């Protein structure tokens, strides 16, 4: 028979979810940084490293149960999505897509 412990159970679930989210964001940050190649990169490949600014700027942030992984470097979005003059060199979306199963596993850990 299960007993309901109210707030204790809710808090334990929240702590585990927050831990799993932090671990997942750190994993994605590392995966994204490792995906950067040598410059110049070909269209469709992750960006190549010239100065290292974009690669160093990749970070993660977790607030409550919301996690973000990305960059605040202005040209990061142009490389990710492309422009009318530059073909995309995506690095964020491929990390999510190629690690979908791993992310689910990490988020569902007990």
PDB file of N, CA and C in Angstrom:
ATOM      1  N   UNK A   1       0.838  -1.176   0.000  1.00  0.00           N
ATOM      2  CA  UNK A   1       0.000   0.000   0.000  1.00  0.00           C
ATOM      3  C   UNK A   1       0.888   1.245   0.000  1.00  0.00           C
ATOM      4  N   UNK A   2       0.580   2.179  -0.878  1.00  0.00           N
ATOM      5  CA  UNK A   2       1.338   3.423  -0.967  1.00  0.00           C
ATOM      6  C   UNK A   2       0.779   4.460  -0.013  1.00  0.00           C
ATOM      7  N   UNK A   3       1.653   5.172   0.612  1.00  0.00           N
ATOM      8  CA  UNK A   3       1.227   6.285   1.469  1.00  0.00           C
ATOM      9  C   UNK A   3       1.588   7.577   0.761  1.00  0.00           C
ATOM     10  N   UNK A   4       0.758   8.532   0.869  1.00  0.00           N
ATOM     11  CA  UNK A   4       0.998   9.844   0.272  1.00  0.00           C
ATOM     12  C   UNK A   4       1.614  10.759   1.323  1.00  0.00           C
ATOM     13  N   UNK A   5       2.777  11.270   1.032  1.00  0.00           N
ATOM     14  CA  UNK A   5       3.463  12.122   1.981  1.00  0.00           C
ATOM     15  C   UNK A   5       3.413  13.587   1.567  1.00  0.00           C
ATOM     16  N   UNK A   6       2.562  13.893   0.606  1.00  0.00           N
ATOM     17  CA  UNK A   6       2.304  15.276   0.217  1.00  0.00           C
ATOM     18  C   UNK A   6       3.529  16.034  -0.234  1.00  0.00           C
ATOM     19  N   UNK A   7       3.852  17.077   0.482  1.00  0.00           N
ATOM     20  CA  UNK A   7       4.934  17.985   0.088  1.00  0.00           C
ATOM     21  C   UNK A   7       6.300  17.314   0.055  1.00  0.00           C
ATOM     22  N   UNK A   8       6.539  16.320   0.895  1.00  0.00           N
ATOM     23  CA  UNK A   8       7.824  15.621   0.883  1.00  0.00           C
ATOM     24  C   UNK A   8       8.041  14.927  -0.460  1.00  0.00           C
ATOM     25  N   UNK A   9       7.003  14.277  -0.958  1.00  0.00           N
ATOM     26  CA  UNK A   9       7.097  13.577  -2.240  1.00  0.00           C
ATOM     27  C   UNK A   9       7.272  14.585  -3.363  1.00  0.00           C
ATOM     28  N   UNK A  10       6.496  15.638  -3.346  1.00  0.00           N
ATOM     29  CA  UNK A  10       6.603  16.674  -4.383  1.00  0.00           C
ATOM     30  C   UNK A  10       8.010  17.264  -4.406  1.00  0.00           C
ATOM     31  N   UNK A  11       8.560  17.536  -3.238  1.00  0.00           N
ATOM     32  CA  UNK A  11       9.898  18.140  -3.158  1.00  0.00           C
ATOM     33  C   UNK A  11      10.970  17.170  -3.661  1.00  0.00           C
ATOM     34  N   UNK A  12      10.841  15.902  -3.318  1.00  0.00           N
ATOM     35  CA  UNK A  12      11.806  14.909  -3.785  1.00  0.00           C
ATOM     36  C   UNK A  12      11.753  14.769  -5.305  1.00  0.00           C
ATOM     37  N   UNK A  13      10.568  14.740  -5.878  1.00  0.00           N
ATOM     38  CA  UNK A  13      10.420  14.657  -7.335  1.00  0.00           C
ATOM     39  C   UNK A  13      11.015  15.901  -7.989  1.00  0.00           C
ATOM     40  N   UNK A  14      10.745  17.072  -7.420  1.00  0.00           N
ATOM     41  CA  UNK A  14      11.288  18.323  -7.964  1.00  0.00           C
ATOM     42  C   UNK A  14      12.810  18.312  -7.918  1.00  0.00           C
ATOM     43  N   UNK A  15      13.397  17.862  -6.818  1.00  0.00           N
ATOM     44  CA  UNK A  15      14.860  17.801  -6.687  1.00  0.00           C
ATOM     45  C   UNK A  15      15.463  16.866  -7.741  1.00  0.00           C
ATOM     46  N   UNK A  16      14.845  15.705  -7.928  1.00  0.00           N
ATOM     47  CA  UNK A  16      15.366  14.748  -8.905  1.00  0.00           C
ATOM     48  C   UNK A  16      15.232  15.292 -10.325  1.00  0.00           C
ATOM     49  N   UNK A  17      14.114  15.927 -10.617  1.00  0.00           N
ATOM     50  CA  UNK A  17      13.932  16.517 -11.952  1.00  0.00           C
ATOM     51  C   UNK A  17      14.952  17.627 -12.189  1.00  0.00           C
ATOM     52  N   UNK A  18      15.172  18.472 -11.202  1.00  0.00           N
ATOM     53  CA  UNK A  18      16.142  19.568 -11.331  1.00  0.00           C
ATOM     54  C   UNK A  18      17.554  19.009 -11.521  1.00  0.00           C
ATOM     55  N   UNK A  19      17.900  17.970 -10.776  1.00  0.00           N
ATOM     56  CA  UNK A  19      19.231  17.336 -10.918  1.00  0.00           C
ATOM     57  C   UNK A  19      19.386  16.768 -12.318  1.00  0.00           C
ATOM     58  N   UNK A  20      18.381  16.048 -12.779  1.00  0.00           N
ATOM     59  CA  UNK A  20      18.444  15.449 -14.117  1.00  0.00           C
ATOM     60  C   UNK A  20      18.529  16.524 -15.197  1.00  0.00           C
ATOM     61  N   UNK A  21      17.810  17.610 -15.022  1.00  0.00           N
ATOM     62  CA  UNK A  21      17.848  18.703 -15.980  1.00  0.00           C
ATOM     63  C   UNK A  21      19.226  19.352 -16.016  1.00  0.00           C
ATOM     64  N   UNK A  22      19.832  19.590 -14.853  1.00  0.00           N
ATOM     65  CA  UNK A  22      21.190  20.163 -14.809  1.00  0.00           C
ATOM     66  C   UNK A  22      22.185  19.246 -15.505  1.00  0.00           C
ATOM     67  N   UNK A  23      22.111  17.955 -15.203  1.00  0.00           N
ATOM     68  CA  UNK A  23      23.022  16.993 -15.829  1.00  0.00           C
ATOM     69  C   UNK A  23      22.835  16.954 -17.345  1.00  0.00           C
ATOM     70  N   UNK A  24      21.591  17.003 -17.790  1.00  0.00           N
ATOM     71  CA  UNK A  24      21.296  16.962 -19.221  1.00  0.00           C
ATOM     72  C   UNK A  24      21.817  18.203 -19.920  1.00  0.00           C
ATOM     73  N   UNK A  25      21.625  19.370 -19.309  1.00  0.00           N
ATOM     74  CA  UNK A  25      22.125  20.615 -19.904  1.00  0.00           C
ATOM     75  C   UNK A  25      23.647  20.611 -19.984  1.00  0.00           C
ATOM     76  N   UNK A  26      24.313  20.124 -18.951  1.00  0.00           N
ATOM     77  CA  UNK A  26      25.783  20.025 -18.982  1.00  0.00           C
ATOM     78  C   UNK A  26      26.237  19.073 -20.085  1.00  0.00           C
ATOM     79  N   UNK A  27      25.552  17.949 -20.225  1.00  0.00           N
ATOM     80  CA  UNK A  27      25.865  16.990 -21.286  1.00  0.00           C
ATOM     81  C   UNK A  27      25.737  17.645 -22.657  1.00  0.00           C
ATOM     82  N   UNK A  28      24.616  18.345 -22.888  1.00  0.00           N
ATOM     83  CA  UNK A  28      24.403  18.999 -24.184  1.00  0.00           C
ATOM     84  C   UNK A  28      25.448  20.079 -24.443  1.00  0.00           C
ATOM     85  N   UNK A  29      25.777  20.858 -23.438  1.00  0.00           N
ATOM     86  CA  UNK A  29      26.809  21.887 -23.590  1.00  0.00           C
ATOM     87  C   UNK A  29      28.111  21.258 -24.062  1.00  0.00           C
ATOM     88  N   UNK A  30      28.519  20.190 -23.421  1.00  0.00           N
ATOM     89  CA  UNK A  30      29.753  19.508 -23.805  1.00  0.00           C
ATOM     90  C   UNK A  30      29.684  18.930 -25.204  1.00  0.00           C
ATOM     91  N   UNK A  31      28.545  18.326 -25.542  1.00  0.00           N
ATOM     92  CA  UNK A  31      28.377  17.741 -26.876  1.00  0.00           C
ATOM     93  C   UNK A  31      28.475  18.822 -27.956  1.00  0.00           C
ATOM     94  N   UNK A  32      27.848  19.952 -27.723  1.00  0.00           N
ATOM     95  CA  UNK A  32      27.876  21.054 -28.699  1.00  0.00           C
ATOM     96  C   UNK A  32      29.304  21.554 -28.882  1.00  0.00           C
ATOM     97  N   UNK A  33      30.021  21.766 -27.791  1.00  0.00           N
ATOM     98  CA  UNK A  33      31.394  22.265 -27.890  1.00  0.00           C
ATOM     99  C   UNK A  33      32.293  21.287 -28.637  1.00  0.00           C
ATOM    100  N   UNK A  34      32.086  19.983 -28.404  1.00  0.00           N
ATOM    101  CA  UNK A  34      32.903  18.974 -29.087  1.00  0.00           C
ATOM    102  C   UNK A  34      32.592  18.892 -30.583  1.00  0.00           C
ATOM    103  N   UNK A  35      31.398  19.364 -30.977  1.00  0.00           N
ATOM    104  CA  UNK A  35      31.007  19.259 -32.381  1.00  0.00           C
ATOM    105  C   UNK A  35      31.697  20.288 -33.276  1.00  0.00           C
ATOM    106  N   UNK A  36      32.240  21.343 -32.676  1.00  0.00           N
ATOM    107  CA  UNK A  36      32.890  22.379 -33.478  1.00  0.00           C
ATOM    108  C   UNK A  36      34.129  21.796 -34.144  1.00  0.00           C
ATOM    109  N   UNK A  37      34.293  22.116 -35.427  1.00  0.00           N
ATOM    110  CA  UNK A  37      35.422  21.580 -36.176  1.00  0.00           C
ATOM    111  C   UNK A  37      36.449  22.642 -36.497  1.00  0.00           C
ATOM    112  N   UNK A  38      37.246  22.338 -37.503  1.00  0.00           N
ATOM    113  CA  UNK A  38      38.264  23.288 -37.956  1.00  0.00           C
ATOM    114  C   UNK A  38      37.649  24.211 -38.989  1.00  0.00           C
ATOM    115  N   UNK A  39      38.200  25.381 -39.084  1.00  0.00           N
ATOM    116  CA  UNK A  39      37.705  26.366 -40.035  1.00  0.00           C
ATOM    117  C   UNK A  39      38.473  26.220 -41.342  1.00  0.00           C
ATOM    118  N   UNK A  40      37.847  26.390 -42.459  1.00  0.00           N
ATOM    119  CA  UNK A  40      36.433  26.718 -42.640  1.00  0.00           C
ATOM    120  C   UNK A  40      35.570  25.457 -42.589  1.00  0.00           C
ATOM    121  N   UNK A  41      34.321  25.644 -42.168  1.00  0.00           N
ATOM    122  CA  UNK A  41      33.383  24.522 -42.134  1.00  0.00           C
ATOM    123  C   UNK A  41      32.544  24.534 -43.403  1.00  0.00           C
ATOM    124  N   UNK A  42      32.055  23.370 -43.751  1.00  0.00           N
ATOM    125  CA  UNK A  42      31.186  23.254 -44.924  1.00  0.00           C
ATOM    126  C   UNK A  42      29.748  23.548 -44.516  1.00  0.00           C
ATOM    127  N   UNK A  43      28.934  24.040 -45.425  1.00  0.00           N
ATOM    128  CA  UNK A  43      27.524  24.248 -45.118  1.00  0.00           C
ATOM    129  C   UNK A  43      26.891  22.964 -44.583  1.00  0.00           C
ATOM    130  N   UNK A  44      26.088  23.119 -43.544  1.00  0.00           N
ATOM    131  CA  UNK A  44      25.433  21.977 -42.924  1.00  0.00           C
ATOM    132  C   UNK A  44      26.217  21.344 -41.795  1.00  0.00           C
ATOM    133  N   UNK A  45      27.515  21.654 -41.706  1.00  0.00           N
ATOM    134  CA  UNK A  45      28.353  21.144 -40.621  1.00  0.00           C
ATOM    135  C   UNK A  45      28.394  22.179 -39.500  1.00  0.00           C
ATOM    136  N   UNK A  46      28.728  21.752 -38.267  1.00  0.00           N
ATOM    137  CA  UNK A  46      28.906  22.740 -37.200  1.00  0.00           C
ATOM    138  C   UNK A  46      30.004  23.727 -37.579  1.00  0.00           C
ATOM    139  N   UNK A  47      29.980  24.908 -36.989  1.00  0.00           N
ATOM    140  CA  UNK A  47      30.972  25.926 -37.324  1.00  0.00           C
ATOM    141  C   UNK A  47      32.397  25.459 -37.027  1.00  0.00           C
ATOM    142  N   UNK A  48      33.325  26.011 -37.768  1.00  0.00           N
ATOM    143  CA  UNK A  48      34.731  25.798 -37.479  1.00  0.00           C
ATOM    144  C   UNK A  48      35.203  26.840 -36.476  1.00  0.00           C
ATOM    145  N   UNK A  49      36.261  26.520 -35.784  1.00  0.00           N
ATOM    146  CA  UNK A  49      36.791  27.430 -34.768  1.00  0.00           C
ATOM    147  C   UNK A  49      37.845  28.327 -35.397  1.00  0.00           C
ATOM    148  N   UNK A  50      37.633  29.628 -35.293  1.00  0.00           N
ATOM    149  CA  UNK A  50      38.638  30.602 -35.723  1.00  0.00           C
ATOM    150  C   UNK A  50      39.249  31.233 -34.476  1.00  0.00           C
ATOM    151  N   UNK A  51      38.457  31.984 -33.733  1.00  0.00           N
ATOM    152  CA  UNK A  51      38.967  32.622 -32.515  1.00  0.00           C
ATOM    153  C   UNK A  51      38.585  31.840 -31.262  1.00  0.00           C
ATOM    154  N   UNK A  52      37.541  31.011 -31.343  1.00  0.00           N
ATOM    155  CA  UNK A  52      37.073  30.257 -30.182  1.00  0.00           C
ATOM    156  C   UNK A  52      36.007  30.973 -29.373  1.00  0.00           C
ATOM    157  N   UNK A  53      35.658  32.198 -29.778  1.00  0.00           N
ATOM    158  CA  UNK A  53      34.678  32.985 -29.021  1.00  0.00           C
ATOM    159  C   UNK A  53      33.328  32.284 -28.949  1.00  0.00           C
ATOM    160  N   UNK A  54      32.816  31.834 -30.075  1.00  0.00           N
ATOM    161  CA  UNK A  54      31.512  31.179 -30.082  1.00  0.00           C
ATOM    162  C   UNK A  54      31.549  29.900 -29.250  1.00  0.00           C
ATOM    163  N   UNK A  55      32.551  29.088 -29.438  1.00  0.00           N
ATOM    164  CA  UNK A  55      32.659  27.825 -28.696  1.00  0.00           C
ATOM    165  C   UNK A  55      32.722  28.080 -27.190  1.00  0.00           C
ATOM    166  N   UNK A  56      33.517  29.057 -26.781  1.00  0.00           N
ATOM    167  CA  UNK A  56      33.623  29.382 -25.355  1.00  0.00           C
ATOM    168  C   UNK A  56      32.326  29.939 -24.791  1.00  0.00           C
ATOM    169  N   UNK A  57      31.519  30.552 -25.652  1.00  0.00           N
ATOM    170  CA  UNK A  57      30.289  31.187 -25.174  1.00  0.00           C
ATOM    171  C   UNK A  57      29.153  30.194 -24.943  1.00  0.00           C
ATOM    172  N   UNK A  58      29.292  28.965 -25.429  1.00  0.00           N
ATOM    173  CA  UNK A  58      28.243  27.969 -25.232  1.00  0.00           C
ATOM    174  C   UNK A  58      28.171  27.657 -23.743  1.00  0.00           C
ATOM    175  N   UNK A  59      27.007  27.838 -23.182  1.00  0.00           N
ATOM    176  CA  UNK A  59      26.826  27.608 -21.759  1.00  0.00           C
ATOM    177  C   UNK A  59      25.409  27.109 -21.515  1.00  0.00           C
ATOM    178  N   UNK A  60      25.132  26.771 -20.271  1.00  0.00           N
ATOM    179  CA  UNK A  60      23.791  26.335 -19.926  1.00  0.00           C
ATOM    180  C   UNK A  60      23.310  27.077 -18.697  1.00  0.00           C
ATOM    181  N   UNK A  61      22.013  27.078 -18.545  1.00  0.00           N
ATOM    182  CA  UNK A  61      21.384  27.789 -17.435  1.00  0.00           C
ATOM    183  C   UNK A  61      20.158  26.989 -17.026  1.00  0.00           C
ATOM    184  N   UNK A  62      19.992  26.768 -15.748  1.00  0.00           N
ATOM    185  CA  UNK A  62      18.822  26.068 -15.229  1.00  0.00           C
ATOM    186  C   UNK A  62      18.197  26.944 -14.162  1.00  0.00           C
ATOM    187  N   UNK A  63      16.917  27.245 -14.347  1.00  0.00           N
ATOM    188  CA  UNK A  63      16.130  27.985 -13.359  1.00  0.00           C
ATOM    189  C   UNK A  63      14.897  27.173 -13.071  1.00  0.00           C
ATOM    190  N   UNK A  64      14.731  26.800 -11.807  1.00  0.00           N
ATOM    191  CA  UNK A  64      13.611  25.942 -11.438  1.00  0.00           C
ATOM    192  C   UNK A  64      13.646  24.688 -12.306  1.00  0.00           C
ATOM    193  N   UNK A  65      12.641  24.486 -13.119  1.00  0.00           N
ATOM    194  CA  UNK A  65      12.598  23.306 -13.982  1.00  0.00           C
ATOM    195  C   UNK A  65      12.644  23.688 -15.452  1.00  0.00           C
ATOM    196  N   UNK A  66      13.376  24.755 -15.753  1.00  0.00           N
ATOM    197  CA  UNK A  66      13.584  25.200 -17.126  1.00  0.00           C
ATOM    198  C   UNK A  66      15.081  25.216 -17.395  1.00  0.00           C
ATOM    199  N   UNK A  67      15.502  24.537 -18.446  1.00  0.00           N
ATOM    200  CA  UNK A  67      16.913  24.497 -18.808  1.00  0.00           C
ATOM    201  C   UNK A  67      17.129  25.104 -20.181  1.00  0.00           C
ATOM    202  N   UNK A  68      18.243  25.814 -20.334  1.00  0.00           N
ATOM    203  CA  UNK A  68      18.610  26.419 -21.613  1.00  0.00           C
ATOM    204  C   UNK A  68      20.079  26.112 -21.891  1.00  0.00           C
ATOM    205  N   UNK A  69      20.370  25.823 -23.141  1.00  0.00           N
ATOM    206  CA  UNK A  69      21.749  25.635 -23.587  1.00  0.00           C
ATOM    207  C   UNK A  69      21.895  26.465 -24.845  1.00  0.00           C
ATOM    208  N   UNK A  70      22.911  27.301 -24.902  1.00  0.00           N
ATOM    209  CA  UNK A  70      23.079  28.127 -26.087  1.00  0.00           C
ATOM    210  C   UNK A  70      24.188  29.138 -25.918  1.00  0.00           C
ATOM    211  N   UNK A  71      24.075  30.211 -26.689  1.00  0.00           N
ATOM    212  CA  UNK A  71      25.090  31.249 -26.717  1.00  0.00           C
ATOM    213  C   UNK A  71      24.436  32.616 -26.729  1.00  0.00           C
ATOM    214  N   UNK A  72      25.150  33.597 -26.233  1.00  0.00           N
ATOM    215  CA  UNK A  72      24.679  34.982 -26.341  1.00  0.00           C
ATOM    216  C   UNK A  72      25.496  35.756 -27.384  1.00  0.00           C
ATOM    217  N   UNK A  73      26.352  35.047 -28.109  1.00  0.00           N
ATOM    218  CA  UNK A  73      27.133  35.679 -29.165  1.00  0.00           C
ATOM    219  C   UNK A  73      26.198  35.936 -30.349  1.00  0.00           C
ATOM    220  N   UNK A  74      26.145  37.177 -30.783  1.00  0.00           N
ATOM    221  CA  UNK A  74      25.191  37.610 -31.800  1.00  0.00           C
ATOM    222  C   UNK A  74      25.253  36.766 -33.078  1.00  0.00           C
ATOM    223  N   UNK A  75      26.433  36.453 -33.561  1.00  0.00           N
ATOM    224  CA  UNK A  75      26.521  35.737 -34.830  1.00  0.00           C
ATOM    225  C   UNK A  75      26.209  34.248 -34.705  1.00  0.00           C
ATOM    226  N   UNK A  76      26.027  33.766 -33.499  1.00  0.00           N
ATOM    227  CA  UNK A  76      25.669  32.365 -33.297  1.00  0.00           C
ATOM    228  C   UNK A  76      24.369  31.997 -34.008  1.00  0.00           C
ATOM    229  N   UNK A  77      23.384  32.897 -33.931  1.00  0.00           N
ATOM    230  CA  UNK A  77      22.099  32.602 -34.587  1.00  0.00           C
ATOM    231  C   UNK A  77      22.234  32.601 -36.108  1.00  0.00           C
ATOM    232  N   UNK A  78      23.148  33.419 -36.636  1.00  0.00           N
ATOM    233  CA  UNK A  78      23.349  33.442 -38.084  1.00  0.00           C
ATOM    234  C   UNK A  78      24.004  32.153 -38.560  1.00  0.00           C
ATOM    235  N   UNK A  79      24.920  31.623 -37.763  1.00  0.00           N
ATOM    236  CA  UNK A  79      25.541  30.352 -38.117  1.00  0.00           C
ATOM    237  C   UNK A  79      24.543  29.207 -37.973  1.00  0.00           C
ATOM    238  N   UNK A  80      23.761  29.222 -36.908  1.00  0.00           N
ATOM    239  CA  UNK A  80      22.776  28.160 -36.674  1.00  0.00           C
ATOM    240  C   UNK A  80      21.726  28.109 -37.781  1.00  0.00           C
ATOM    241  N   UNK A  81      21.183  29.262 -38.142  1.00  0.00           N
ATOM    242  CA  UNK A  81      20.052  29.321 -39.069  1.00  0.00           C
ATOM    243  C   UNK A  81      20.427  29.704 -40.495  1.00  0.00           C
ATOM    244  N   UNK A  82      21.591  30.316 -40.657  1.00  0.00           N
ATOM    245  CA  UNK A  82      21.993  30.814 -41.968  1.00  0.00           C
ATOM    246  C   UNK A  82      21.378  32.180 -42.250  1.00  0.00           C
ATOM    247  N   UNK A  83      21.841  32.798 -43.309  1.00  0.00           N
ATOM    248  CA  UNK A  83      21.306  34.083 -43.767  1.00  0.00           C
ATOM    249  C   UNK A  83      21.161  33.976 -45.281  1.00  0.00           C
ATOM    250  N   UNK A  84      20.771  35.052 -45.909  1.00  0.00           N
ATOM    251  CA  UNK A  84      20.669  34.992 -47.367  1.00  0.00           C
ATOM    252  C   UNK A  84      22.042  34.874 -48.025  1.00  0.00           C
ATOM    253  N   UNK A  85      23.113  35.178 -47.287  1.00  0.00           N
ATOM    254  CA  UNK A  85      24.466  35.117 -47.846  1.00  0.00           C
ATOM    255  C   UNK A  85      25.312  33.972 -47.281  1.00  0.00           C
ATOM    256  N   UNK A  86      24.856  33.368 -46.189  1.00  0.00           N
ATOM    257  CA  UNK A  86      25.633  32.312 -45.532  1.00  0.00           C
ATOM    258  C   UNK A  86      24.742  31.098 -45.321  1.00  0.00           C
ATOM    259  N   UNK A  87      25.179  29.939 -45.781  1.00  0.00           N
ATOM    260  CA  UNK A  87      24.435  28.699 -45.536  1.00  0.00           C
ATOM    261  C   UNK A  87      24.554  28.329 -44.053  1.00  0.00           C
ATOM    262  N   UNK A  88      23.540  27.698 -43.491  1.00  0.00           N
ATOM    263  CA  UNK A  88      23.575  27.349 -42.061  1.00  0.00           C
ATOM    264  C   UNK A  88      24.726  26.416 -41.709  1.00  0.00           C
ATOM    265  N   UNK A  89      25.265  26.642 -40.534  1.00  0.00           N
ATOM    266  CA  UNK A  89      26.245  25.746 -39.913  1.00  0.00           C
ATOM    267  C   UNK A  89      25.668  25.396 -38.544  1.00  0.00           C
ATOM    268  N   UNK A  90      24.601  24.582 -38.513  1.00  0.00           N
ATOM    269  CA  UNK A  90      23.891  24.342 -37.260  1.00  0.00           C
ATOM    270  C   UNK A  90      24.732  23.582 -36.246  1.00  0.00           C
ATOM    271  N   UNK A  91      24.585  23.964 -34.999  1.00  0.00           N
ATOM    272  CA  UNK A  91      25.304  23.304 -33.920  1.00  0.00           C
ATOM    273  C   UNK A  91      24.404  23.026 -32.721  1.00  0.00           C
ATOM    274  N   UNK A  92      23.295  23.735 -32.576  1.00  0.00           N
ATOM    275  CA  UNK A  92      22.383  23.522 -31.449  1.00  0.00           C
ATOM    276  C   UNK A  92      21.343  22.441 -31.768  1.00  0.00           C
ATOM    277  N   UNK A  93      20.625  22.613 -32.864  1.00  0.00           N
ATOM    278  CA  UNK A  93      19.575  21.651 -33.220  1.00  0.00           C
ATOM    279  C   UNK A  93      20.121  20.241 -33.458  1.00  0.00           C
ATOM    280  N   UNK A  94      21.244  20.088 -34.153  1.00  0.00           N
ATOM    281  CA  UNK A  94      21.767  18.725 -34.336  1.00  0.00           C
ATOM    282  C   UNK A  94      22.111  18.036 -33.011  1.00  0.00           C
ATOM    283  N   UNK A  95      22.562  18.814 -32.022  1.00  0.00           N
ATOM    284  CA  UNK A  95      22.875  18.225 -30.711  1.00  0.00           C
ATOM    285  C   UNK A  95      21.611  17.661 -30.067  1.00  0.00           C
ATOM    286  N   UNK A  96      20.513  18.393 -30.181  1.00  0.00           N
ATOM    287  CA  UNK A  96      19.245  17.891 -29.644  1.00  0.00           C
ATOM    288  C   UNK A  96      18.769  16.669 -30.419  1.00  0.00           C
ATOM    289  N   UNK A  97      18.809  16.755 -31.732  1.00  0.00           N
ATOM    290  CA  UNK A  97      18.298  15.672 -32.570  1.00  0.00           C
ATOM    291  C   UNK A  97      19.100  14.382 -32.407  1.00  0.00           C
ATOM    292  N   UNK A  98      20.413  14.495 -32.404  1.00  0.00           N
ATOM    293  CA  UNK A  98      21.238  13.283 -32.336  1.00  0.00           C
ATOM    294  C   UNK A  98      21.281  12.673 -30.933  1.00  0.00           C
ATOM    295  N   UNK A  99      20.852  13.418 -29.943  1.00  0.00           N
ATOM    296  CA  UNK A  99      20.888  12.917 -28.563  1.00  0.00           C
ATOM    297  C   UNK A  99      19.501  12.763 -27.952  1.00  0.00           C
ATOM    298  N   UNK A 100      18.484  12.736 -28.779  1.00  0.00           N
ATOM    299  CA  UNK A 100      17.099  12.667 -28.285  1.00  0.00           C
ATOM    300  C   UNK A 100      16.903  11.499 -27.305  1.00  0.00           C
ATOM    301  N   UNK A 101      17.380  10.319 -27.651  1.00  0.00           N
ATOM    302  CA  UNK A 101      17.213   9.146 -26.790  1.00  0.00           C
ATOM    303  C   UNK A 101      17.974   9.317 -25.486  1.00  0.00           C
ATOM    304  N   UNK A 102      19.219   9.782 -25.578  1.00  0.00           N
ATOM    305  CA  UNK A 102      20.044  10.000 -24.385  1.00  0.00           C
ATOM    306  C   UNK A 102      19.402  11.041 -23.467  1.00  0.00           C
ATOM    307  N   UNK A 103      18.857  12.104 -24.043  1.00  0.00           N
ATOM    308  CA  UNK A 103      18.209  13.149 -23.242  1.00  0.00           C
ATOM    309  C   UNK A 103      17.011  12.574 -22.500  1.00  0.00           C
ATOM    310  N   UNK A 104      16.203  11.770 -23.182  1.00  0.00           N
ATOM    311  CA  UNK A 104      15.048  11.148 -22.521  1.00  0.00           C
ATOM    312  C   UNK A 104      15.505  10.255 -21.373  1.00  0.00           C
ATOM    313  N   UNK A 105      16.545   9.467 -21.614  1.00  0.00           N
ATOM    314  CA  UNK A 105      17.074   8.592 -20.570  1.00  0.00           C
ATOM    315  C   UNK A 105      17.558   9.404 -19.375  1.00  0.00           C
ATOM    316  N   UNK A 106      18.292  10.464 -19.646  1.00  0.00           N
ATOM    317  CA  UNK A 106      18.836  11.280 -18.561  1.00  0.00           C
ATOM    318  C   UNK A 106      17.728  11.964 -17.766  1.00  0.00           C
ATOM    319  N   UNK A 107      16.723  12.440 -18.445  1.00  0.00           N
ATOM    320  CA  UNK A 107      15.630  13.151 -17.764  1.00  0.00           C
ATOM    321  C   UNK A 107      14.729  12.201 -16.974  1.00  0.00           C
ATOM    322  N   UNK A 108      14.715  10.932 -17.330  1.00  0.00           N
ATOM    323  CA  UNK A 108      13.834   9.970 -16.665  1.00  0.00           C
ATOM    324  C   UNK A 108      14.550   9.135 -15.605  1.00  0.00           C
ATOM    325  N   UNK A 109      15.786   9.478 -15.298  1.00  0.00           N
ATOM    326  CA  UNK A 109      16.508   8.725 -14.265  1.00  0.00           C
ATOM    327  C   UNK A 109      15.800   8.855 -12.927  1.00  0.00           C
ATOM    328  N   UNK A 110      15.834   7.804 -12.148  1.00  0.00           N
ATOM    329  CA  UNK A 110      15.204   7.886 -10.802  1.00  0.00           C
ATOM    330  C   UNK A 110      16.057   8.704  -9.842  1.00  0.00           C
TER     331      UNK A 110
END
